[in-house]
N, C-alpha and C. Protein backbone atom coordinates (compact mmCIF):
# COMPACT_ATOMS: atom_id res chain seq x y z
N MET A 1 17.15 -0.21 11.18
CA MET A 1 15.76 -0.66 11.20
C MET A 1 15.55 -1.52 12.44
N GLU A 2 14.54 -1.19 13.21
CA GLU A 2 14.29 -1.90 14.45
C GLU A 2 13.46 -3.17 14.25
N HIS A 3 12.89 -3.38 13.10
CA HIS A 3 12.02 -4.51 12.84
C HIS A 3 12.78 -5.57 12.06
N SER A 4 13.43 -6.49 12.76
CA SER A 4 14.32 -7.45 12.12
C SER A 4 13.59 -8.41 11.19
N LYS A 5 12.39 -8.82 11.54
CA LYS A 5 11.64 -9.72 10.66
C LYS A 5 11.33 -9.04 9.33
N GLU A 6 11.02 -7.75 9.40
CA GLU A 6 10.74 -7.01 8.17
C GLU A 6 11.99 -6.88 7.32
N GLN A 7 13.13 -6.68 7.95
CA GLN A 7 14.39 -6.57 7.20
C GLN A 7 14.68 -7.87 6.45
N GLU A 8 14.37 -9.00 7.06
CA GLU A 8 14.55 -10.28 6.37
C GLU A 8 13.65 -10.36 5.13
N LEU A 9 12.47 -9.78 5.22
CA LEU A 9 11.55 -9.81 4.08
C LEU A 9 12.05 -8.95 2.92
N VAL A 10 12.80 -7.90 3.22
CA VAL A 10 13.36 -7.06 2.15
C VAL A 10 14.23 -7.94 1.26
N SER A 11 15.10 -8.74 1.85
CA SER A 11 15.96 -9.63 1.06
C SER A 11 15.12 -10.62 0.25
N PHE A 12 14.07 -11.16 0.87
CA PHE A 12 13.21 -12.11 0.17
C PHE A 12 12.59 -11.46 -1.06
N TYR A 13 12.01 -10.29 -0.89
CA TYR A 13 11.35 -9.62 -2.02
C TYR A 13 12.33 -9.01 -3.01
N ASP A 14 13.52 -8.64 -2.56
CA ASP A 14 14.55 -8.18 -3.50
C ASP A 14 14.88 -9.27 -4.51
N ASN A 15 14.81 -10.51 -4.08
CA ASN A 15 15.14 -11.63 -4.97
C ASN A 15 13.92 -12.18 -5.69
N LYS A 16 12.80 -11.54 -5.52
CA LYS A 16 11.55 -11.97 -6.15
C LYS A 16 10.91 -10.75 -6.79
N LEU A 17 11.58 -10.20 -7.78
CA LEU A 17 11.12 -8.94 -8.35
C LEU A 17 9.82 -9.06 -9.14
N GLU A 18 9.46 -10.24 -9.56
CA GLU A 18 8.15 -10.45 -10.18
C GLU A 18 7.32 -11.21 -9.16
N TYR A 19 6.19 -10.67 -8.79
CA TYR A 19 5.39 -11.28 -7.75
C TYR A 19 3.92 -10.96 -7.98
N TYR A 20 3.08 -11.71 -7.30
CA TYR A 20 1.64 -11.49 -7.38
C TYR A 20 1.23 -10.31 -6.51
N SER A 21 0.42 -9.47 -7.05
CA SER A 21 -0.17 -8.38 -6.28
C SER A 21 -1.41 -7.91 -7.00
N PRO A 22 -2.44 -7.52 -6.24
CA PRO A 22 -3.62 -6.96 -6.91
C PRO A 22 -3.37 -5.53 -7.38
N ALA A 23 -2.13 -5.06 -7.29
CA ALA A 23 -1.82 -3.67 -7.61
C ALA A 23 -1.56 -3.44 -9.08
N THR A 24 -2.13 -4.26 -9.95
CA THR A 24 -2.00 -3.96 -11.36
C THR A 24 -2.71 -2.63 -11.62
N THR A 25 -2.37 -2.01 -12.70
CA THR A 25 -3.01 -0.73 -13.05
C THR A 25 -4.53 -0.90 -13.11
N GLU A 26 -4.97 -2.00 -13.71
CA GLU A 26 -6.41 -2.23 -13.86
C GLU A 26 -7.09 -2.45 -12.51
N GLN A 27 -6.46 -3.24 -11.63
CA GLN A 27 -7.07 -3.51 -10.33
C GLN A 27 -7.08 -2.26 -9.45
N LEU A 28 -6.01 -1.48 -9.50
CA LEU A 28 -5.99 -0.23 -8.72
C LEU A 28 -7.12 0.69 -9.19
N GLN A 29 -7.29 0.83 -10.50
CA GLN A 29 -8.36 1.68 -11.01
C GLN A 29 -9.72 1.15 -10.57
N ARG A 30 -9.88 -0.17 -10.61
CA ARG A 30 -11.15 -0.79 -10.18
C ARG A 30 -11.42 -0.50 -8.70
N ILE A 31 -10.40 -0.66 -7.87
CA ILE A 31 -10.55 -0.41 -6.43
C ILE A 31 -10.79 1.08 -6.17
N ALA A 32 -10.03 1.94 -6.85
CA ALA A 32 -10.19 3.38 -6.67
C ALA A 32 -11.60 3.83 -7.06
N THR A 33 -12.14 3.27 -8.13
CA THR A 33 -13.50 3.60 -8.55
C THR A 33 -14.51 3.09 -7.51
N LEU A 34 -14.30 1.89 -7.02
CA LEU A 34 -15.19 1.29 -6.03
C LEU A 34 -15.31 2.17 -4.78
N VAL A 35 -14.19 2.73 -4.32
CA VAL A 35 -14.22 3.52 -3.08
C VAL A 35 -14.29 5.02 -3.33
N ASN A 36 -14.37 5.41 -4.60
CA ASN A 36 -14.42 6.82 -4.98
C ASN A 36 -13.18 7.57 -4.47
N ALA A 37 -12.01 7.01 -4.77
CA ALA A 37 -10.74 7.59 -4.33
C ALA A 37 -10.47 8.92 -5.03
N PRO A 38 -9.72 9.79 -4.40
CA PRO A 38 -9.36 11.07 -5.00
C PRO A 38 -8.63 10.90 -6.34
N THR A 39 -8.83 11.87 -7.20
CA THR A 39 -8.18 11.87 -8.52
C THR A 39 -7.40 13.15 -8.77
N GLU A 40 -7.22 13.96 -7.74
CA GLU A 40 -6.42 15.18 -7.88
C GLU A 40 -5.58 15.36 -6.63
N GLY A 41 -4.55 16.19 -6.78
CA GLY A 41 -3.72 16.51 -5.63
C GLY A 41 -2.49 15.64 -5.56
N LYS A 42 -2.15 15.24 -4.32
CA LYS A 42 -0.93 14.47 -4.08
C LYS A 42 -1.27 13.05 -3.63
N MET A 43 -0.54 12.10 -4.20
CA MET A 43 -0.73 10.69 -3.88
C MET A 43 0.52 10.14 -3.22
N LEU A 44 0.34 9.40 -2.13
CA LEU A 44 1.43 8.70 -1.45
C LEU A 44 1.16 7.21 -1.56
N ASP A 45 2.15 6.48 -2.03
CA ASP A 45 2.07 5.02 -2.20
C ASP A 45 3.00 4.39 -1.17
N VAL A 46 2.42 3.82 -0.11
CA VAL A 46 3.20 3.26 1.01
C VAL A 46 3.47 1.78 0.72
N GLY A 47 4.75 1.43 0.62
CA GLY A 47 5.12 0.09 0.19
C GLY A 47 4.97 -0.02 -1.31
N CYS A 48 5.51 0.97 -2.02
CA CYS A 48 5.25 1.14 -3.45
C CYS A 48 5.87 0.06 -4.33
N GLY A 49 6.85 -0.69 -3.81
CA GLY A 49 7.47 -1.71 -4.65
C GLY A 49 8.02 -1.09 -5.92
N ASP A 50 7.61 -1.63 -7.05
CA ASP A 50 8.12 -1.14 -8.33
C ASP A 50 7.31 0.04 -8.88
N GLY A 51 6.47 0.63 -8.05
CA GLY A 51 5.79 1.87 -8.43
C GLY A 51 4.60 1.71 -9.34
N ARG A 52 3.98 0.54 -9.36
CA ARG A 52 2.85 0.33 -10.27
C ARG A 52 1.74 1.36 -10.11
N ALA A 53 1.52 1.82 -8.89
CA ALA A 53 0.44 2.79 -8.65
C ALA A 53 0.75 4.16 -9.24
N CYS A 54 1.99 4.37 -9.64
CA CYS A 54 2.34 5.65 -10.28
C CYS A 54 1.51 5.88 -11.54
N HIS A 55 1.13 4.79 -12.21
CA HIS A 55 0.28 4.92 -13.41
C HIS A 55 -1.01 5.66 -13.07
N TYR A 56 -1.62 5.31 -11.94
CA TYR A 56 -2.86 5.97 -11.51
C TYR A 56 -2.63 7.47 -11.35
N ALA A 57 -1.56 7.81 -10.64
CA ALA A 57 -1.25 9.23 -10.40
C ALA A 57 -1.01 9.96 -11.72
N VAL A 58 -0.22 9.38 -12.59
CA VAL A 58 0.08 9.99 -13.89
C VAL A 58 -1.20 10.17 -14.70
N ASN A 59 -2.04 9.14 -14.73
CA ASN A 59 -3.28 9.21 -15.51
C ASN A 59 -4.23 10.30 -15.00
N HIS A 60 -4.11 10.66 -13.73
CA HIS A 60 -4.98 11.68 -13.16
C HIS A 60 -4.27 13.01 -12.91
N GLY A 61 -3.03 13.13 -13.35
CA GLY A 61 -2.30 14.38 -13.16
C GLY A 61 -1.95 14.67 -11.71
N MET A 62 -1.80 13.62 -10.90
CA MET A 62 -1.49 13.78 -9.48
C MET A 62 0.02 13.75 -9.27
N ALA A 63 0.48 14.49 -8.28
CA ALA A 63 1.87 14.38 -7.85
C ALA A 63 2.00 13.06 -7.10
N TYR A 64 3.07 12.31 -7.34
CA TYR A 64 3.23 10.96 -6.79
C TYR A 64 4.48 10.87 -5.94
N THR A 65 4.33 10.27 -4.75
CA THR A 65 5.45 9.92 -3.90
C THR A 65 5.29 8.46 -3.54
N GLY A 66 6.35 7.68 -3.71
CA GLY A 66 6.33 6.27 -3.34
C GLY A 66 7.44 6.00 -2.35
N ILE A 67 7.17 5.15 -1.38
CA ILE A 67 8.18 4.76 -0.40
C ILE A 67 8.19 3.24 -0.28
N ASP A 68 9.41 2.70 -0.20
CA ASP A 68 9.56 1.26 -0.03
C ASP A 68 10.88 0.97 0.67
N TYR A 69 10.93 -0.14 1.39
CA TYR A 69 12.16 -0.59 2.04
C TYR A 69 13.22 -1.00 1.01
N SER A 70 12.77 -1.50 -0.12
CA SER A 70 13.65 -2.17 -1.07
C SER A 70 14.28 -1.23 -2.09
N ALA A 71 15.59 -1.10 -2.03
CA ALA A 71 16.31 -0.29 -3.02
C ALA A 71 16.18 -0.90 -4.41
N LYS A 72 16.13 -2.22 -4.50
CA LYS A 72 15.99 -2.88 -5.81
C LYS A 72 14.65 -2.57 -6.45
N ARG A 73 13.60 -2.55 -5.63
CA ARG A 73 12.27 -2.25 -6.18
C ARG A 73 12.17 -0.77 -6.59
N ILE A 74 12.75 0.10 -5.80
CA ILE A 74 12.75 1.53 -6.16
C ILE A 74 13.56 1.73 -7.44
N LYS A 75 14.66 1.02 -7.59
CA LYS A 75 15.45 1.10 -8.83
C LYS A 75 14.61 0.68 -10.02
N LYS A 76 13.84 -0.39 -9.85
CA LYS A 76 12.96 -0.86 -10.93
C LYS A 76 11.91 0.22 -11.26
N ALA A 77 11.37 0.87 -10.24
CA ALA A 77 10.40 1.95 -10.47
C ALA A 77 11.05 3.11 -11.23
N ARG A 78 12.26 3.46 -10.86
CA ARG A 78 12.95 4.56 -11.56
C ARG A 78 13.23 4.20 -13.01
N GLU A 79 13.51 2.93 -13.27
CA GLU A 79 13.73 2.50 -14.66
C GLU A 79 12.47 2.69 -15.48
N GLU A 80 11.33 2.46 -14.87
CA GLU A 80 10.07 2.61 -15.60
C GLU A 80 9.59 4.05 -15.68
N PHE A 81 9.72 4.80 -14.58
CA PHE A 81 9.11 6.12 -14.51
C PHE A 81 10.10 7.28 -14.55
N GLY A 82 11.39 6.97 -14.55
CA GLY A 82 12.38 8.04 -14.55
C GLY A 82 12.45 8.72 -13.20
N TYR A 83 12.89 9.94 -13.21
CA TYR A 83 13.08 10.66 -11.96
C TYR A 83 11.97 11.68 -11.71
N GLY A 84 10.86 11.61 -12.44
CA GLY A 84 9.74 12.52 -12.22
C GLY A 84 9.05 12.32 -10.89
N PRO A 85 8.59 11.08 -10.60
CA PRO A 85 7.95 10.88 -9.30
C PRO A 85 8.99 10.85 -8.19
N GLU A 86 8.57 11.23 -6.99
CA GLU A 86 9.46 11.13 -5.84
C GLU A 86 9.41 9.70 -5.32
N LEU A 87 10.56 9.02 -5.34
CA LEU A 87 10.65 7.63 -4.90
C LEU A 87 11.67 7.56 -3.77
N ILE A 88 11.25 7.05 -2.63
CA ILE A 88 12.06 7.07 -1.42
C ILE A 88 12.35 5.65 -0.96
N VAL A 89 13.62 5.34 -0.75
CA VAL A 89 14.02 4.09 -0.12
C VAL A 89 14.17 4.39 1.37
N GLY A 90 13.46 3.65 2.20
CA GLY A 90 13.60 3.92 3.63
C GLY A 90 12.66 3.07 4.47
N ASP A 91 12.84 3.19 5.76
CA ASP A 91 12.00 2.54 6.74
C ASP A 91 10.64 3.25 6.73
N VAL A 92 9.58 2.53 6.38
CA VAL A 92 8.28 3.17 6.25
C VAL A 92 7.81 3.81 7.55
N TYR A 93 8.15 3.21 8.67
CA TYR A 93 7.76 3.79 9.96
C TYR A 93 8.41 5.17 10.12
N GLU A 94 9.72 5.23 9.93
CA GLU A 94 10.45 6.48 10.13
C GLU A 94 10.03 7.55 9.14
N VAL A 95 9.90 7.16 7.88
CA VAL A 95 9.54 8.16 6.86
C VAL A 95 8.16 8.73 7.13
N LEU A 96 7.18 7.86 7.40
CA LEU A 96 5.82 8.35 7.63
C LEU A 96 5.71 9.16 8.91
N GLU A 97 6.38 8.71 9.95
CA GLU A 97 6.26 9.41 11.23
C GLU A 97 7.06 10.71 11.27
N ASN A 98 7.90 10.93 10.28
CA ASN A 98 8.68 12.17 10.22
C ASN A 98 8.34 13.01 9.00
N SER A 99 7.21 12.73 8.36
CA SER A 99 6.78 13.48 7.19
C SER A 99 5.83 14.60 7.58
N LEU A 100 5.87 15.65 6.82
CA LEU A 100 4.98 16.78 7.06
C LEU A 100 3.89 16.96 6.01
N PRO A 101 4.11 16.51 4.77
CA PRO A 101 3.11 16.81 3.75
C PRO A 101 1.76 16.18 4.05
N GLN A 102 0.74 16.81 3.53
CA GLN A 102 -0.59 16.24 3.57
C GLN A 102 -0.88 15.66 2.19
N TYR A 103 -1.42 14.47 2.16
CA TYR A 103 -1.70 13.78 0.90
C TYR A 103 -3.20 13.64 0.73
N ASP A 104 -3.64 13.79 -0.52
CA ASP A 104 -5.05 13.66 -0.84
C ASP A 104 -5.46 12.19 -0.95
N PHE A 105 -4.52 11.37 -1.39
CA PHE A 105 -4.79 9.94 -1.58
C PHE A 105 -3.57 9.16 -1.11
N ILE A 106 -3.77 8.32 -0.11
CA ILE A 106 -2.71 7.43 0.36
C ILE A 106 -3.13 6.00 0.03
N TRP A 107 -2.29 5.35 -0.76
CA TRP A 107 -2.53 3.98 -1.23
C TRP A 107 -1.54 3.06 -0.52
N CYS A 108 -2.05 2.01 0.10
CA CYS A 108 -1.21 1.05 0.81
C CYS A 108 -1.70 -0.35 0.44
N CYS A 109 -1.09 -0.92 -0.57
CA CYS A 109 -1.56 -2.18 -1.15
C CYS A 109 -0.64 -3.33 -0.76
N GLU A 110 -1.21 -4.29 -0.04
CA GLU A 110 -0.51 -5.53 0.28
C GLU A 110 0.79 -5.29 1.03
N LEU A 111 0.79 -4.35 1.96
CA LEU A 111 1.96 -4.09 2.80
C LEU A 111 1.71 -4.46 4.25
N LEU A 112 0.56 -4.11 4.78
CA LEU A 112 0.32 -4.21 6.22
C LEU A 112 0.50 -5.62 6.76
N GLU A 113 0.21 -6.63 5.96
CA GLU A 113 0.38 -8.01 6.43
C GLU A 113 1.85 -8.40 6.59
N HIS A 114 2.75 -7.60 6.04
CA HIS A 114 4.19 -7.86 6.13
C HIS A 114 4.86 -7.14 7.30
N LEU A 115 4.10 -6.36 8.05
CA LEU A 115 4.68 -5.52 9.08
C LEU A 115 4.46 -6.08 10.49
N GLU A 116 5.42 -5.82 11.35
CA GLU A 116 5.29 -6.22 12.75
C GLU A 116 4.30 -5.31 13.49
N GLU A 117 4.21 -4.05 13.07
CA GLU A 117 3.31 -3.09 13.72
C GLU A 117 2.43 -2.38 12.67
N PRO A 118 1.53 -3.11 12.02
CA PRO A 118 0.74 -2.48 10.96
C PRO A 118 -0.15 -1.35 11.47
N GLU A 119 -0.62 -1.46 12.72
CA GLU A 119 -1.48 -0.40 13.26
C GLU A 119 -0.72 0.91 13.40
N ARG A 120 0.57 0.85 13.60
CA ARG A 120 1.40 2.06 13.69
C ARG A 120 1.45 2.79 12.35
N ILE A 121 1.56 2.04 11.28
CA ILE A 121 1.55 2.63 9.93
C ILE A 121 0.17 3.19 9.64
N TRP A 122 -0.88 2.47 10.02
CA TRP A 122 -2.26 2.93 9.82
C TRP A 122 -2.46 4.30 10.48
N ARG A 123 -2.00 4.44 11.72
CA ARG A 123 -2.14 5.73 12.43
C ARG A 123 -1.31 6.82 11.75
N ALA A 124 -0.12 6.49 11.30
CA ALA A 124 0.73 7.48 10.63
C ALA A 124 0.09 7.95 9.33
N MET A 125 -0.52 7.03 8.59
CA MET A 125 -1.18 7.42 7.34
C MET A 125 -2.35 8.35 7.63
N GLN A 126 -3.09 8.09 8.69
CA GLN A 126 -4.21 8.96 9.05
C GLN A 126 -3.71 10.38 9.35
N THR A 127 -2.58 10.48 10.00
CA THR A 127 -2.01 11.79 10.34
C THR A 127 -1.64 12.58 9.08
N LEU A 128 -1.20 11.87 8.05
CA LEU A 128 -0.72 12.53 6.82
C LEU A 128 -1.81 12.75 5.78
N CYS A 129 -3.02 12.29 6.05
CA CYS A 129 -4.06 12.28 5.03
C CYS A 129 -5.06 13.42 5.19
N CYS A 130 -5.32 14.12 4.09
CA CYS A 130 -6.39 15.13 4.08
C CYS A 130 -7.52 14.70 3.14
N GLY A 131 -7.40 13.51 2.56
CA GLY A 131 -8.42 13.02 1.62
C GLY A 131 -8.90 11.63 1.96
N MET A 132 -8.16 10.60 1.49
CA MET A 132 -8.57 9.23 1.73
C MET A 132 -7.36 8.31 1.79
N VAL A 133 -7.37 7.41 2.77
CA VAL A 133 -6.42 6.31 2.86
C VAL A 133 -7.14 5.07 2.34
N VAL A 134 -6.51 4.34 1.43
CA VAL A 134 -7.06 3.09 0.92
C VAL A 134 -6.01 2.00 1.10
N CYS A 135 -6.41 0.93 1.80
CA CYS A 135 -5.49 -0.19 2.05
C CYS A 135 -6.10 -1.48 1.54
N THR A 136 -5.23 -2.38 1.11
CA THR A 136 -5.65 -3.73 0.78
C THR A 136 -4.76 -4.71 1.52
N VAL A 137 -5.36 -5.81 1.98
CA VAL A 137 -4.62 -6.95 2.53
C VAL A 137 -5.37 -8.21 2.12
N PRO A 138 -4.65 -9.32 1.96
CA PRO A 138 -5.34 -10.56 1.59
C PRO A 138 -6.18 -11.09 2.75
N VAL A 139 -7.25 -11.78 2.40
CA VAL A 139 -8.11 -12.41 3.39
C VAL A 139 -7.54 -13.77 3.75
N ASP A 140 -7.29 -13.98 5.05
CA ASP A 140 -6.90 -15.28 5.60
C ASP A 140 -5.87 -15.99 4.72
N MET A 141 -4.71 -15.35 4.56
CA MET A 141 -3.67 -15.91 3.69
C MET A 141 -2.38 -16.12 4.46
N PRO A 142 -2.26 -17.26 5.15
CA PRO A 142 -0.99 -17.56 5.81
C PRO A 142 0.09 -17.79 4.74
N TYR A 143 1.21 -17.18 4.93
CA TYR A 143 2.31 -17.27 3.96
C TYR A 143 3.57 -16.91 4.73
N HIS A 144 4.68 -17.53 4.41
CA HIS A 144 5.88 -17.31 5.23
C HIS A 144 6.33 -15.85 5.26
N ALA A 145 5.98 -15.07 4.26
CA ALA A 145 6.36 -13.65 4.25
C ALA A 145 5.32 -12.75 4.92
N HIS A 146 4.23 -13.33 5.41
CA HIS A 146 3.20 -12.55 6.09
C HIS A 146 3.39 -12.65 7.59
N LEU A 147 3.62 -11.51 8.22
CA LEU A 147 3.75 -11.48 9.67
C LEU A 147 2.39 -11.33 10.34
N GLN A 148 1.38 -10.98 9.57
CA GLN A 148 0.01 -10.84 10.08
C GLN A 148 -0.92 -11.61 9.14
N VAL A 149 -1.94 -12.23 9.70
CA VAL A 149 -2.98 -12.89 8.92
C VAL A 149 -4.32 -12.35 9.43
N PHE A 150 -5.07 -11.74 8.54
CA PHE A 150 -6.36 -11.16 8.89
C PHE A 150 -7.45 -12.09 8.35
N LYS A 151 -8.17 -12.75 9.26
CA LYS A 151 -9.09 -13.81 8.87
C LYS A 151 -10.47 -13.33 8.44
N ASP A 152 -10.94 -12.23 9.04
CA ASP A 152 -12.31 -11.82 8.74
C ASP A 152 -12.46 -10.32 8.99
N ASP A 153 -13.65 -9.80 8.68
CA ASP A 153 -13.92 -8.38 8.82
C ASP A 153 -13.68 -7.90 10.26
N ALA A 154 -14.05 -8.71 11.24
CA ALA A 154 -13.86 -8.32 12.65
C ALA A 154 -12.38 -8.12 12.96
N ALA A 155 -11.52 -8.97 12.41
CA ALA A 155 -10.07 -8.84 12.65
C ALA A 155 -9.53 -7.54 12.06
N ILE A 156 -10.05 -7.14 10.92
CA ILE A 156 -9.62 -5.88 10.29
C ILE A 156 -10.07 -4.70 11.16
N HIS A 157 -11.33 -4.71 11.58
CA HIS A 157 -11.83 -3.61 12.42
C HIS A 157 -11.09 -3.54 13.75
N GLU A 158 -10.71 -4.68 14.29
CA GLU A 158 -9.97 -4.70 15.56
C GLU A 158 -8.56 -4.14 15.39
N ALA A 159 -7.92 -4.47 14.30
CA ALA A 159 -6.53 -4.05 14.08
C ALA A 159 -6.42 -2.58 13.67
N PHE A 160 -7.40 -2.08 12.92
CA PHE A 160 -7.29 -0.75 12.32
C PHE A 160 -8.50 0.10 12.71
N THR A 161 -8.32 0.93 13.73
CA THR A 161 -9.42 1.73 14.24
C THR A 161 -9.78 2.87 13.29
N GLY A 162 -11.06 3.18 13.26
CA GLY A 162 -11.53 4.32 12.48
C GLY A 162 -11.84 4.04 11.03
N ILE A 163 -11.90 2.79 10.63
CA ILE A 163 -12.20 2.46 9.23
C ILE A 163 -13.54 3.09 8.85
N THR A 164 -13.56 3.76 7.69
CA THR A 164 -14.80 4.36 7.23
C THR A 164 -15.56 3.46 6.26
N ARG A 165 -14.83 2.53 5.62
CA ARG A 165 -15.48 1.59 4.72
C ARG A 165 -14.63 0.34 4.62
N LEU A 166 -15.30 -0.82 4.64
CA LEU A 166 -14.62 -2.10 4.47
C LEU A 166 -15.41 -2.91 3.45
N THR A 167 -14.72 -3.39 2.45
CA THR A 167 -15.35 -4.21 1.43
C THR A 167 -14.35 -5.28 1.01
N HIS A 168 -14.75 -6.12 0.08
CA HIS A 168 -13.89 -7.16 -0.46
C HIS A 168 -13.82 -7.03 -1.98
N VAL A 169 -12.67 -7.37 -2.53
CA VAL A 169 -12.54 -7.49 -3.98
C VAL A 169 -11.85 -8.82 -4.27
N TRP A 170 -12.24 -9.41 -5.35
CA TRP A 170 -11.60 -10.64 -5.82
C TRP A 170 -10.70 -10.24 -6.97
N CYS A 171 -9.44 -10.65 -6.89
CA CYS A 171 -8.45 -10.29 -7.90
C CYS A 171 -7.83 -11.56 -8.47
N PRO A 172 -7.53 -11.54 -9.76
CA PRO A 172 -6.92 -12.72 -10.37
C PRO A 172 -5.47 -12.89 -9.93
N THR A 173 -5.07 -14.15 -9.77
CA THR A 173 -3.67 -14.47 -9.48
C THR A 173 -2.98 -14.85 -10.79
N PRO A 174 -1.65 -14.89 -10.80
CA PRO A 174 -0.95 -15.28 -12.03
C PRO A 174 -1.34 -16.69 -12.50
N GLY A 175 -1.76 -17.56 -11.58
CA GLY A 175 -2.15 -18.92 -11.95
C GLY A 175 -3.56 -19.03 -12.48
N GLY A 176 -4.27 -17.89 -12.57
CA GLY A 176 -5.62 -17.92 -13.10
C GLY A 176 -6.71 -18.09 -12.07
N ASN A 177 -6.34 -18.21 -10.80
CA ASN A 177 -7.33 -18.31 -9.73
C ASN A 177 -7.76 -16.90 -9.32
N MET A 178 -8.77 -16.84 -8.46
CA MET A 178 -9.21 -15.58 -7.90
C MET A 178 -8.91 -15.59 -6.41
N ARG A 179 -8.47 -14.44 -5.88
CA ARG A 179 -8.09 -14.32 -4.47
C ARG A 179 -8.85 -13.17 -3.84
N ASP A 180 -9.41 -13.40 -2.66
CA ASP A 180 -10.19 -12.40 -1.93
C ASP A 180 -9.25 -11.46 -1.17
N HIS A 181 -9.53 -10.16 -1.26
CA HIS A 181 -8.74 -9.14 -0.56
C HIS A 181 -9.68 -8.19 0.17
N PHE A 182 -9.28 -7.80 1.38
CA PHE A 182 -9.97 -6.72 2.07
C PHE A 182 -9.55 -5.41 1.42
N VAL A 183 -10.49 -4.51 1.27
CA VAL A 183 -10.20 -3.13 0.89
C VAL A 183 -10.85 -2.28 1.96
N PHE A 184 -10.05 -1.46 2.63
CA PHE A 184 -10.62 -0.62 3.67
C PHE A 184 -10.07 0.79 3.57
N THR A 185 -10.91 1.74 3.98
CA THR A 185 -10.58 3.15 3.80
C THR A 185 -10.71 3.89 5.12
N TRP A 186 -10.09 5.06 5.11
CA TRP A 186 -10.25 6.02 6.21
C TRP A 186 -10.30 7.40 5.58
N GLN A 187 -11.19 8.22 6.08
CA GLN A 187 -11.28 9.62 5.67
C GLN A 187 -11.42 10.48 6.92
N PRO A 188 -10.79 11.65 6.91
CA PRO A 188 -10.93 12.54 8.07
C PRO A 188 -12.37 13.01 8.20
N SER A 189 -12.79 13.24 9.43
CA SER A 189 -14.13 13.79 9.66
C SER A 189 -14.19 15.22 9.17
N ASN A 190 -15.31 15.56 8.59
CA ASN A 190 -15.47 16.96 8.11
C ASN A 190 -16.04 17.84 9.18
């Protein structure tokens, strides 16, 4: 792996298997409904962690592929979902840039802020998408595990070219507070 800061984060998150994310089944469904995300075909979950988004794919009869750096998180996903979904441990840059399949729905929740080159992943997802890419990142959330902090809508548009829709959702945290997240999409031109 060429991204040493990201490799350090793998160890951090491997030791923090329970964590806050707006990727609960309910929040994913809420976000998917908000952006009218695809409900058929193939779904790719980039930075899948423990595979929570697999519930969405299963509920809609979609084929699911998840990729994550963390072998521990993929193991946790396999414990929950078995060996039905395709779950890949690997460098997200390498896997995405060397993939051939076209996906109808690409979900990337709370990953881009952890990457040294998030725009590179954004471009790779666009190449693999025949339906819709949906990404979430927290709004203005400095945190030691965040290599990027996106302060406002202009920062999102500057970092990720070609956004077709940008909105905000407020999601509950484990402490009972609400946290603002960017939700942005990309769809190929027809």
